[in-house]
Amino acid sequence: MLSRRFKRRGKAAARQEARINMESLIDLTFLLLVTFMITMPQLEQGVSVLLPQAKADKLPDKQSKPCSVTIDAEGNVYVGKQKVTLEELKEQLTALQKEDPDAAVLVRGDERQEYGRVMDVVKTIYACKIHRMSLVTKGE
């Protein structure tokens, strides 16, 4: 008789231990998903600028990661997220061109910035013999 009671309690205890509460795991998964959805676009953009609106074709995916040059509203120039002068920009792009002759550069200019400053950067890019350059705009 004693062995039957022991067996019954053992089965009941095993049933309770087999249940896993998935709610907290699902909540954690959704929290991580939302966190990545919010932070990833900010990580890709780098320097925040207000791009002008224009209609343009998408760039072909010939190069895995083109160099991004950004001019913000104050006229500061950035390569990626690193603030540079025009001389430093010329040095970096010359090194890039020597490393990869088909290197592409994406120019992201804030629409509040004067046209002459953007053209100074474009002239610097062409002086480095980089001929694959695109001006990035926001779609209409």
N, C-alpha and C. Protein backbone atom coordinates (compact mmCIF):
# COMPACT_ATOMS: atom_id res chain seq x y z
N MET A 1 0.81 -1.19 0.00
CA MET A 1 0.00 0.00 0.00
C MET A 1 0.86 1.26 0.00
N LEU A 2 1.89 1.22 0.72
CA LEU A 2 2.80 2.36 0.80
C LEU A 2 3.45 2.65 -0.54
N SER A 3 3.78 1.63 -1.27
CA SER A 3 4.42 1.83 -2.58
C SER A 3 3.45 2.45 -3.59
N ARG A 4 2.15 2.15 -3.50
CA ARG A 4 1.17 2.75 -4.42
C ARG A 4 1.05 4.25 -4.18
N ARG A 5 0.99 4.67 -2.96
CA ARG A 5 0.91 6.10 -2.65
C ARG A 5 2.15 6.82 -3.17
N PHE A 6 3.27 6.24 -2.99
CA PHE A 6 4.52 6.84 -3.43
C PHE A 6 4.54 6.99 -4.96
N LYS A 7 4.05 5.99 -5.64
CA LYS A 7 4.01 6.05 -7.09
C LYS A 7 3.04 7.14 -7.56
N ARG A 8 1.91 7.25 -6.93
CA ARG A 8 0.93 8.26 -7.32
C ARG A 8 1.48 9.67 -7.10
N ARG A 9 2.08 9.92 -6.01
CA ARG A 9 2.65 11.25 -5.73
C ARG A 9 3.78 11.55 -6.71
N GLY A 10 4.55 10.55 -7.04
CA GLY A 10 5.65 10.75 -7.98
C GLY A 10 5.15 11.15 -9.35
N LYS A 11 4.07 10.53 -9.82
CA LYS A 11 3.50 10.88 -11.13
C LYS A 11 2.92 12.29 -11.11
N ALA A 12 2.24 12.65 -10.06
CA ALA A 12 1.64 13.99 -9.96
C ALA A 12 2.74 15.06 -9.92
N ALA A 13 3.80 14.80 -9.21
CA ALA A 13 4.90 15.75 -9.14
C ALA A 13 5.59 15.88 -10.49
N ALA A 14 5.70 14.77 -11.21
CA ALA A 14 6.34 14.80 -12.52
C ALA A 14 5.49 15.61 -13.50
N ARG A 15 4.17 15.51 -13.42
CA ARG A 15 3.30 16.27 -14.30
C ARG A 15 3.45 17.77 -14.07
N GLN A 16 3.54 18.19 -12.85
CA GLN A 16 3.67 19.61 -12.54
C GLN A 16 5.03 20.15 -12.99
N GLU A 17 6.05 19.39 -12.90
CA GLU A 17 7.36 19.86 -13.30
C GLU A 17 7.51 19.92 -14.82
N ALA A 18 6.71 19.18 -15.55
CA ALA A 18 6.82 19.14 -17.00
C ALA A 18 6.24 20.40 -17.65
N ARG A 19 5.43 21.16 -16.98
CA ARG A 19 4.84 22.37 -17.54
C ARG A 19 5.85 23.51 -17.50
N ILE A 20 6.00 24.16 -18.62
CA ILE A 20 6.90 25.31 -18.71
C ILE A 20 6.06 26.54 -19.03
N ASN A 21 6.24 27.58 -18.28
CA ASN A 21 5.53 28.83 -18.51
C ASN A 21 6.26 29.62 -19.59
N MET A 22 5.66 29.75 -20.76
CA MET A 22 6.30 30.41 -21.91
C MET A 22 6.03 31.91 -21.97
N GLU A 23 5.15 32.43 -21.14
CA GLU A 23 4.78 33.84 -21.22
C GLU A 23 5.98 34.76 -21.02
N SER A 24 6.78 34.50 -20.02
CA SER A 24 7.92 35.38 -19.77
C SER A 24 8.95 35.29 -20.90
N LEU A 25 9.12 34.13 -21.49
CA LEU A 25 10.05 33.98 -22.61
C LEU A 25 9.54 34.73 -23.84
N ILE A 26 8.26 34.67 -24.09
CA ILE A 26 7.67 35.39 -25.22
C ILE A 26 7.77 36.89 -24.98
N ASP A 27 7.50 37.35 -23.76
CA ASP A 27 7.63 38.77 -23.45
C ASP A 27 9.06 39.26 -23.68
N LEU A 28 10.02 38.50 -23.26
CA LEU A 28 11.42 38.86 -23.45
C LEU A 28 11.78 38.90 -24.93
N THR A 29 11.29 37.96 -25.70
CA THR A 29 11.55 37.93 -27.15
C THR A 29 10.99 39.17 -27.82
N PHE A 30 9.75 39.54 -27.51
CA PHE A 30 9.17 40.74 -28.10
C PHE A 30 9.89 42.00 -27.66
N LEU A 31 10.35 42.06 -26.42
CA LEU A 31 11.10 43.22 -25.94
C LEU A 31 12.40 43.37 -26.73
N LEU A 32 13.11 42.28 -26.95
CA LEU A 32 14.35 42.34 -27.73
C LEU A 32 14.07 42.72 -29.18
N LEU A 33 13.01 42.18 -29.75
CA LEU A 33 12.64 42.50 -31.13
C LEU A 33 12.36 43.99 -31.29
N VAL A 34 11.58 44.56 -30.40
CA VAL A 34 11.25 45.98 -30.47
C VAL A 34 12.51 46.83 -30.27
N THR A 35 13.37 46.42 -29.34
CA THR A 35 14.61 47.16 -29.11
C THR A 35 15.46 47.19 -30.36
N PHE A 36 15.63 46.07 -31.04
CA PHE A 36 16.43 46.04 -32.26
C PHE A 36 15.77 46.81 -33.38
N MET A 37 14.44 46.77 -33.46
CA MET A 37 13.75 47.50 -34.52
C MET A 37 13.93 49.01 -34.35
N ILE A 38 14.03 49.48 -33.13
CA ILE A 38 14.19 50.91 -32.88
C ILE A 38 15.64 51.34 -33.08
N THR A 39 16.60 50.54 -32.63
CA THR A 39 18.00 50.97 -32.66
C THR A 39 18.69 50.73 -33.99
N MET A 40 18.33 49.74 -34.77
CA MET A 40 19.06 49.44 -36.01
C MET A 40 19.02 50.58 -37.02
N PRO A 41 17.89 51.21 -37.30
CA PRO A 41 17.94 52.33 -38.26
C PRO A 41 18.85 53.47 -37.80
N GLN A 42 18.93 53.71 -36.51
CA GLN A 42 19.80 54.77 -36.01
C GLN A 42 21.27 54.39 -36.15
N LEU A 43 21.59 53.13 -36.02
CA LEU A 43 22.98 52.70 -36.17
C LEU A 43 23.43 52.79 -37.62
N GLU A 44 22.54 52.52 -38.55
CA GLU A 44 22.89 52.56 -39.96
C GLU A 44 23.08 53.98 -40.45
N GLN A 45 22.30 54.91 -39.99
CA GLN A 45 22.32 56.26 -40.49
C GLN A 45 23.61 57.00 -40.16
N GLY A 46 24.13 56.86 -38.96
CA GLY A 46 25.32 57.61 -38.57
C GLY A 46 24.91 59.00 -38.13
N VAL A 47 25.31 60.03 -38.87
CA VAL A 47 25.03 61.42 -38.54
C VAL A 47 23.63 61.78 -39.04
N SER A 48 22.88 62.45 -38.19
CA SER A 48 21.51 62.79 -38.53
C SER A 48 21.48 64.05 -39.39
N VAL A 49 20.91 63.94 -40.58
CA VAL A 49 20.75 65.08 -41.48
C VAL A 49 19.35 65.06 -42.07
N LEU A 50 18.89 66.21 -42.51
CA LEU A 50 17.61 66.33 -43.17
C LEU A 50 17.88 66.29 -44.67
N LEU A 51 17.61 65.15 -45.30
CA LEU A 51 17.91 64.97 -46.72
C LEU A 51 16.87 65.67 -47.58
N PRO A 52 17.32 66.25 -48.71
CA PRO A 52 16.35 66.85 -49.63
C PRO A 52 15.51 65.76 -50.30
N GLN A 53 14.32 66.13 -50.74
CA GLN A 53 13.44 65.17 -51.38
C GLN A 53 13.62 65.23 -52.89
N ALA A 54 13.75 64.08 -53.50
CA ALA A 54 13.86 63.97 -54.95
C ALA A 54 13.54 62.55 -55.36
N LYS A 55 13.15 62.39 -56.60
CA LYS A 55 12.88 61.05 -57.11
C LYS A 55 14.13 60.57 -57.83
N ALA A 56 14.59 59.37 -57.47
CA ALA A 56 15.80 58.82 -58.08
C ALA A 56 15.70 57.30 -58.10
N ASP A 57 16.49 56.71 -58.98
CA ASP A 57 16.56 55.26 -59.05
C ASP A 57 17.42 54.73 -57.93
N LYS A 58 17.18 53.48 -57.55
CA LYS A 58 18.03 52.85 -56.53
C LYS A 58 19.38 52.53 -57.13
N LEU A 59 20.40 52.53 -56.26
CA LEU A 59 21.74 52.22 -56.70
C LEU A 59 21.89 50.72 -56.92
N PRO A 60 22.68 50.31 -57.92
CA PRO A 60 22.94 48.88 -58.08
C PRO A 60 23.81 48.37 -56.93
N ASP A 61 23.62 47.12 -56.58
CA ASP A 61 24.37 46.53 -55.46
C ASP A 61 25.68 45.92 -55.92
N LYS A 62 26.53 46.72 -56.55
CA LYS A 62 27.81 46.21 -57.03
C LYS A 62 28.84 46.18 -55.91
N GLN A 63 28.76 47.12 -55.00
CA GLN A 63 29.72 47.17 -53.91
C GLN A 63 29.00 46.85 -52.60
N SER A 64 29.67 46.11 -51.74
CA SER A 64 29.01 45.68 -50.52
C SER A 64 28.75 46.84 -49.57
N LYS A 65 29.71 47.72 -49.38
CA LYS A 65 29.53 48.80 -48.42
C LYS A 65 30.20 50.07 -48.95
N PRO A 66 29.45 50.97 -49.61
CA PRO A 66 30.06 52.20 -50.10
C PRO A 66 30.41 53.14 -48.95
N CYS A 67 31.37 54.00 -49.20
CA CYS A 67 31.79 54.98 -48.20
C CYS A 67 30.72 56.07 -48.12
N SER A 68 30.37 56.49 -46.92
CA SER A 68 29.35 57.50 -46.73
C SER A 68 29.99 58.79 -46.24
N VAL A 69 29.79 59.89 -46.98
CA VAL A 69 30.27 61.21 -46.59
C VAL A 69 29.05 62.07 -46.31
N THR A 70 29.00 62.68 -45.13
CA THR A 70 27.83 63.43 -44.69
C THR A 70 28.21 64.87 -44.40
N ILE A 71 27.38 65.81 -44.84
CA ILE A 71 27.54 67.22 -44.49
C ILE A 71 26.31 67.60 -43.68
N ASP A 72 26.50 67.98 -42.42
CA ASP A 72 25.36 68.31 -41.58
C ASP A 72 24.95 69.77 -41.76
N ALA A 73 23.95 70.22 -41.01
CA ALA A 73 23.39 71.56 -41.16
C ALA A 73 24.40 72.66 -40.83
N GLU A 74 25.37 72.36 -39.96
CA GLU A 74 26.38 73.35 -39.60
C GLU A 74 27.56 73.37 -40.56
N GLY A 75 27.59 72.47 -41.53
CA GLY A 75 28.68 72.42 -42.49
C GLY A 75 29.80 71.48 -42.10
N ASN A 76 29.64 70.72 -41.03
CA ASN A 76 30.65 69.75 -40.63
C ASN A 76 30.60 68.55 -41.58
N VAL A 77 31.78 68.02 -41.90
CA VAL A 77 31.89 66.88 -42.82
C VAL A 77 32.25 65.65 -42.01
N TYR A 78 31.59 64.53 -42.31
CA TYR A 78 31.82 63.27 -41.62
C TYR A 78 32.07 62.17 -42.64
N VAL A 79 32.99 61.28 -42.31
CA VAL A 79 33.17 60.03 -43.06
C VAL A 79 32.67 58.95 -42.11
N GLY A 80 31.53 58.34 -42.45
CA GLY A 80 30.87 57.45 -41.50
C GLY A 80 30.35 58.30 -40.36
N LYS A 81 30.87 58.08 -39.16
CA LYS A 81 30.50 58.89 -37.99
C LYS A 81 31.65 59.77 -37.52
N GLN A 82 32.78 59.72 -38.21
CA GLN A 82 33.98 60.45 -37.80
C GLN A 82 34.01 61.83 -38.46
N LYS A 83 34.10 62.87 -37.65
CA LYS A 83 34.17 64.23 -38.16
C LYS A 83 35.57 64.48 -38.74
N VAL A 84 35.62 65.03 -39.96
CA VAL A 84 36.89 65.28 -40.63
C VAL A 84 36.88 66.66 -41.28
N THR A 85 38.09 67.15 -41.59
CA THR A 85 38.23 68.36 -42.39
C THR A 85 38.30 67.94 -43.86
N LEU A 86 38.28 68.90 -44.77
CA LEU A 86 38.36 68.56 -46.19
C LEU A 86 39.71 67.93 -46.53
N GLU A 87 40.77 68.34 -45.84
CA GLU A 87 42.09 67.76 -46.08
C GLU A 87 42.13 66.30 -45.62
N GLU A 88 41.55 66.03 -44.45
CA GLU A 88 41.50 64.65 -43.96
C GLU A 88 40.60 63.79 -44.85
N LEU A 89 39.52 64.39 -45.35
CA LEU A 89 38.63 63.69 -46.28
C LEU A 89 39.40 63.30 -47.53
N LYS A 90 40.21 64.22 -48.05
CA LYS A 90 41.00 63.94 -49.25
C LYS A 90 41.99 62.81 -49.00
N GLU A 91 42.64 62.81 -47.84
CA GLU A 91 43.59 61.73 -47.50
C GLU A 91 42.88 60.38 -47.42
N GLN A 92 41.74 60.34 -46.74
CA GLN A 92 41.02 59.07 -46.57
C GLN A 92 40.49 58.54 -47.89
N LEU A 93 39.96 59.44 -48.73
CA LEU A 93 39.40 58.99 -50.00
C LEU A 93 40.49 58.60 -50.99
N THR A 94 41.65 59.25 -50.92
CA THR A 94 42.77 58.85 -51.78
C THR A 94 43.22 57.45 -51.41
N ALA A 95 43.30 57.17 -50.10
CA ALA A 95 43.67 55.82 -49.65
C ALA A 95 42.61 54.80 -50.09
N LEU A 96 41.34 55.18 -50.01
CA LEU A 96 40.26 54.29 -50.43
C LEU A 96 40.34 54.00 -51.92
N GLN A 97 40.64 55.01 -52.72
CA GLN A 97 40.72 54.84 -54.16
C GLN A 97 41.91 53.96 -54.55
N LYS A 98 43.02 54.09 -53.83
CA LYS A 98 44.18 53.24 -54.10
C LYS A 98 43.88 51.79 -53.74
N GLU A 99 43.14 51.59 -52.68
CA GLU A 99 42.77 50.24 -52.23
C GLU A 99 41.76 49.60 -53.18
N ASP A 100 40.77 50.39 -53.63
CA ASP A 100 39.72 49.89 -54.51
C ASP A 100 39.42 50.96 -55.58
N PRO A 101 39.94 50.78 -56.80
CA PRO A 101 39.73 51.79 -57.84
C PRO A 101 38.27 52.01 -58.22
N ASP A 102 37.41 51.03 -57.97
CA ASP A 102 35.98 51.17 -58.26
C ASP A 102 35.17 51.56 -57.03
N ALA A 103 35.80 52.17 -56.05
CA ALA A 103 35.11 52.54 -54.81
C ALA A 103 34.00 53.55 -55.10
N ALA A 104 32.92 53.41 -54.36
CA ALA A 104 31.77 54.32 -54.51
C ALA A 104 31.63 55.14 -53.24
N VAL A 105 31.18 56.38 -53.41
CA VAL A 105 30.98 57.28 -52.28
C VAL A 105 29.55 57.80 -52.33
N LEU A 106 28.87 57.73 -51.20
CA LEU A 106 27.52 58.27 -51.07
C LEU A 106 27.61 59.59 -50.31
N VAL A 107 27.14 60.68 -50.92
CA VAL A 107 27.18 62.00 -50.29
C VAL A 107 25.79 62.31 -49.75
N ARG A 108 25.74 62.51 -48.44
CA ARG A 108 24.49 62.84 -47.76
C ARG A 108 24.60 64.28 -47.27
N GLY A 109 23.95 65.21 -47.95
CA GLY A 109 24.01 66.62 -47.58
C GLY A 109 22.71 67.08 -46.98
N ASP A 110 22.80 67.78 -45.86
CA ASP A 110 21.61 68.34 -45.22
C ASP A 110 21.03 69.42 -46.13
N GLU A 111 19.72 69.42 -46.32
CA GLU A 111 19.11 70.40 -47.23
C GLU A 111 19.20 71.83 -46.71
N ARG A 112 19.46 72.01 -45.43
CA ARG A 112 19.61 73.34 -44.87
C ARG A 112 21.01 73.91 -45.12
N GLN A 113 21.92 73.09 -45.59
CA GLN A 113 23.29 73.51 -45.85
C GLN A 113 23.36 74.20 -47.21
N GLU A 114 24.23 75.19 -47.31
CA GLU A 114 24.36 75.91 -48.58
C GLU A 114 24.96 75.01 -49.65
N TYR A 115 24.60 75.28 -50.87
CA TYR A 115 25.00 74.47 -52.02
C TYR A 115 26.51 74.46 -52.20
N GLY A 116 27.15 75.58 -51.94
CA GLY A 116 28.61 75.68 -52.12
C GLY A 116 29.38 74.71 -51.24
N ARG A 117 28.92 74.48 -50.04
CA ARG A 117 29.63 73.57 -49.13
C ARG A 117 29.54 72.13 -49.65
N VAL A 118 28.37 71.75 -50.15
CA VAL A 118 28.21 70.41 -50.72
C VAL A 118 29.11 70.26 -51.94
N MET A 119 29.19 71.31 -52.76
CA MET A 119 30.04 71.25 -53.95
C MET A 119 31.52 71.18 -53.58
N ASP A 120 31.93 71.79 -52.48
CA ASP A 120 33.32 71.67 -52.02
C ASP A 120 33.65 70.21 -51.74
N VAL A 121 32.72 69.51 -51.12
CA VAL A 121 32.93 68.09 -50.82
C VAL A 121 32.95 67.27 -52.11
N VAL A 122 32.05 67.58 -53.05
CA VAL A 122 32.03 66.86 -54.33
C VAL A 122 33.34 67.09 -55.09
N LYS A 123 33.84 68.32 -55.10
CA LYS A 123 35.12 68.61 -55.75
C LYS A 123 36.26 67.81 -55.11
N THR A 124 36.24 67.71 -53.80
CA THR A 124 37.26 66.95 -53.09
C THR A 124 37.19 65.47 -53.47
N ILE A 125 35.99 64.95 -53.61
CA ILE A 125 35.83 63.55 -54.01
C ILE A 125 36.39 63.32 -55.41
N TYR A 126 36.07 64.21 -56.33
CA TYR A 126 36.59 64.07 -57.70
C TYR A 126 38.10 64.27 -57.76
N ALA A 127 38.64 65.12 -56.89
CA ALA A 127 40.09 65.32 -56.83
C ALA A 127 40.80 64.05 -56.41
N CYS A 128 40.12 63.18 -55.69
CA CYS A 128 40.69 61.89 -55.26
C CYS A 128 40.53 60.81 -56.33
N LYS A 129 40.04 61.20 -57.50
CA LYS A 129 39.85 60.31 -58.64
C LYS A 129 38.81 59.21 -58.36
N ILE A 130 37.84 59.55 -57.56
CA ILE A 130 36.70 58.65 -57.33
C ILE A 130 35.57 59.15 -58.22
N HIS A 131 35.18 58.30 -59.17
CA HIS A 131 34.18 58.71 -60.14
C HIS A 131 32.82 58.07 -59.90
N ARG A 132 32.73 57.16 -58.98
CA ARG A 132 31.44 56.55 -58.62
C ARG A 132 30.94 57.24 -57.37
N MET A 133 30.14 58.29 -57.57
CA MET A 133 29.64 59.07 -56.47
C MET A 133 28.15 59.30 -56.66
N SER A 134 27.38 59.25 -55.58
CA SER A 134 25.94 59.48 -55.65
C SER A 134 25.53 60.43 -54.56
N LEU A 135 24.58 61.31 -54.89
CA LEU A 135 23.99 62.19 -53.90
C LEU A 135 22.75 61.50 -53.34
N VAL A 136 22.69 61.33 -52.05
CA VAL A 136 21.59 60.61 -51.41
C VAL A 136 20.45 61.59 -51.13
N THR A 137 19.24 61.18 -51.49
CA THR A 137 18.05 61.99 -51.24
C THR A 137 17.00 61.14 -50.55
N LYS A 138 16.00 61.80 -50.03
CA LYS A 138 14.86 61.11 -49.42
C LYS A 138 13.79 61.00 -50.48
N GLY A 139 13.20 59.82 -50.63
CA GLY A 139 12.16 59.60 -51.64
C GLY A 139 10.94 60.47 -51.40
N GLU A 140 10.27 60.82 -52.47
CA GLU A 140 9.06 61.67 -52.36
C GLU A 140 7.88 60.85 -51.92
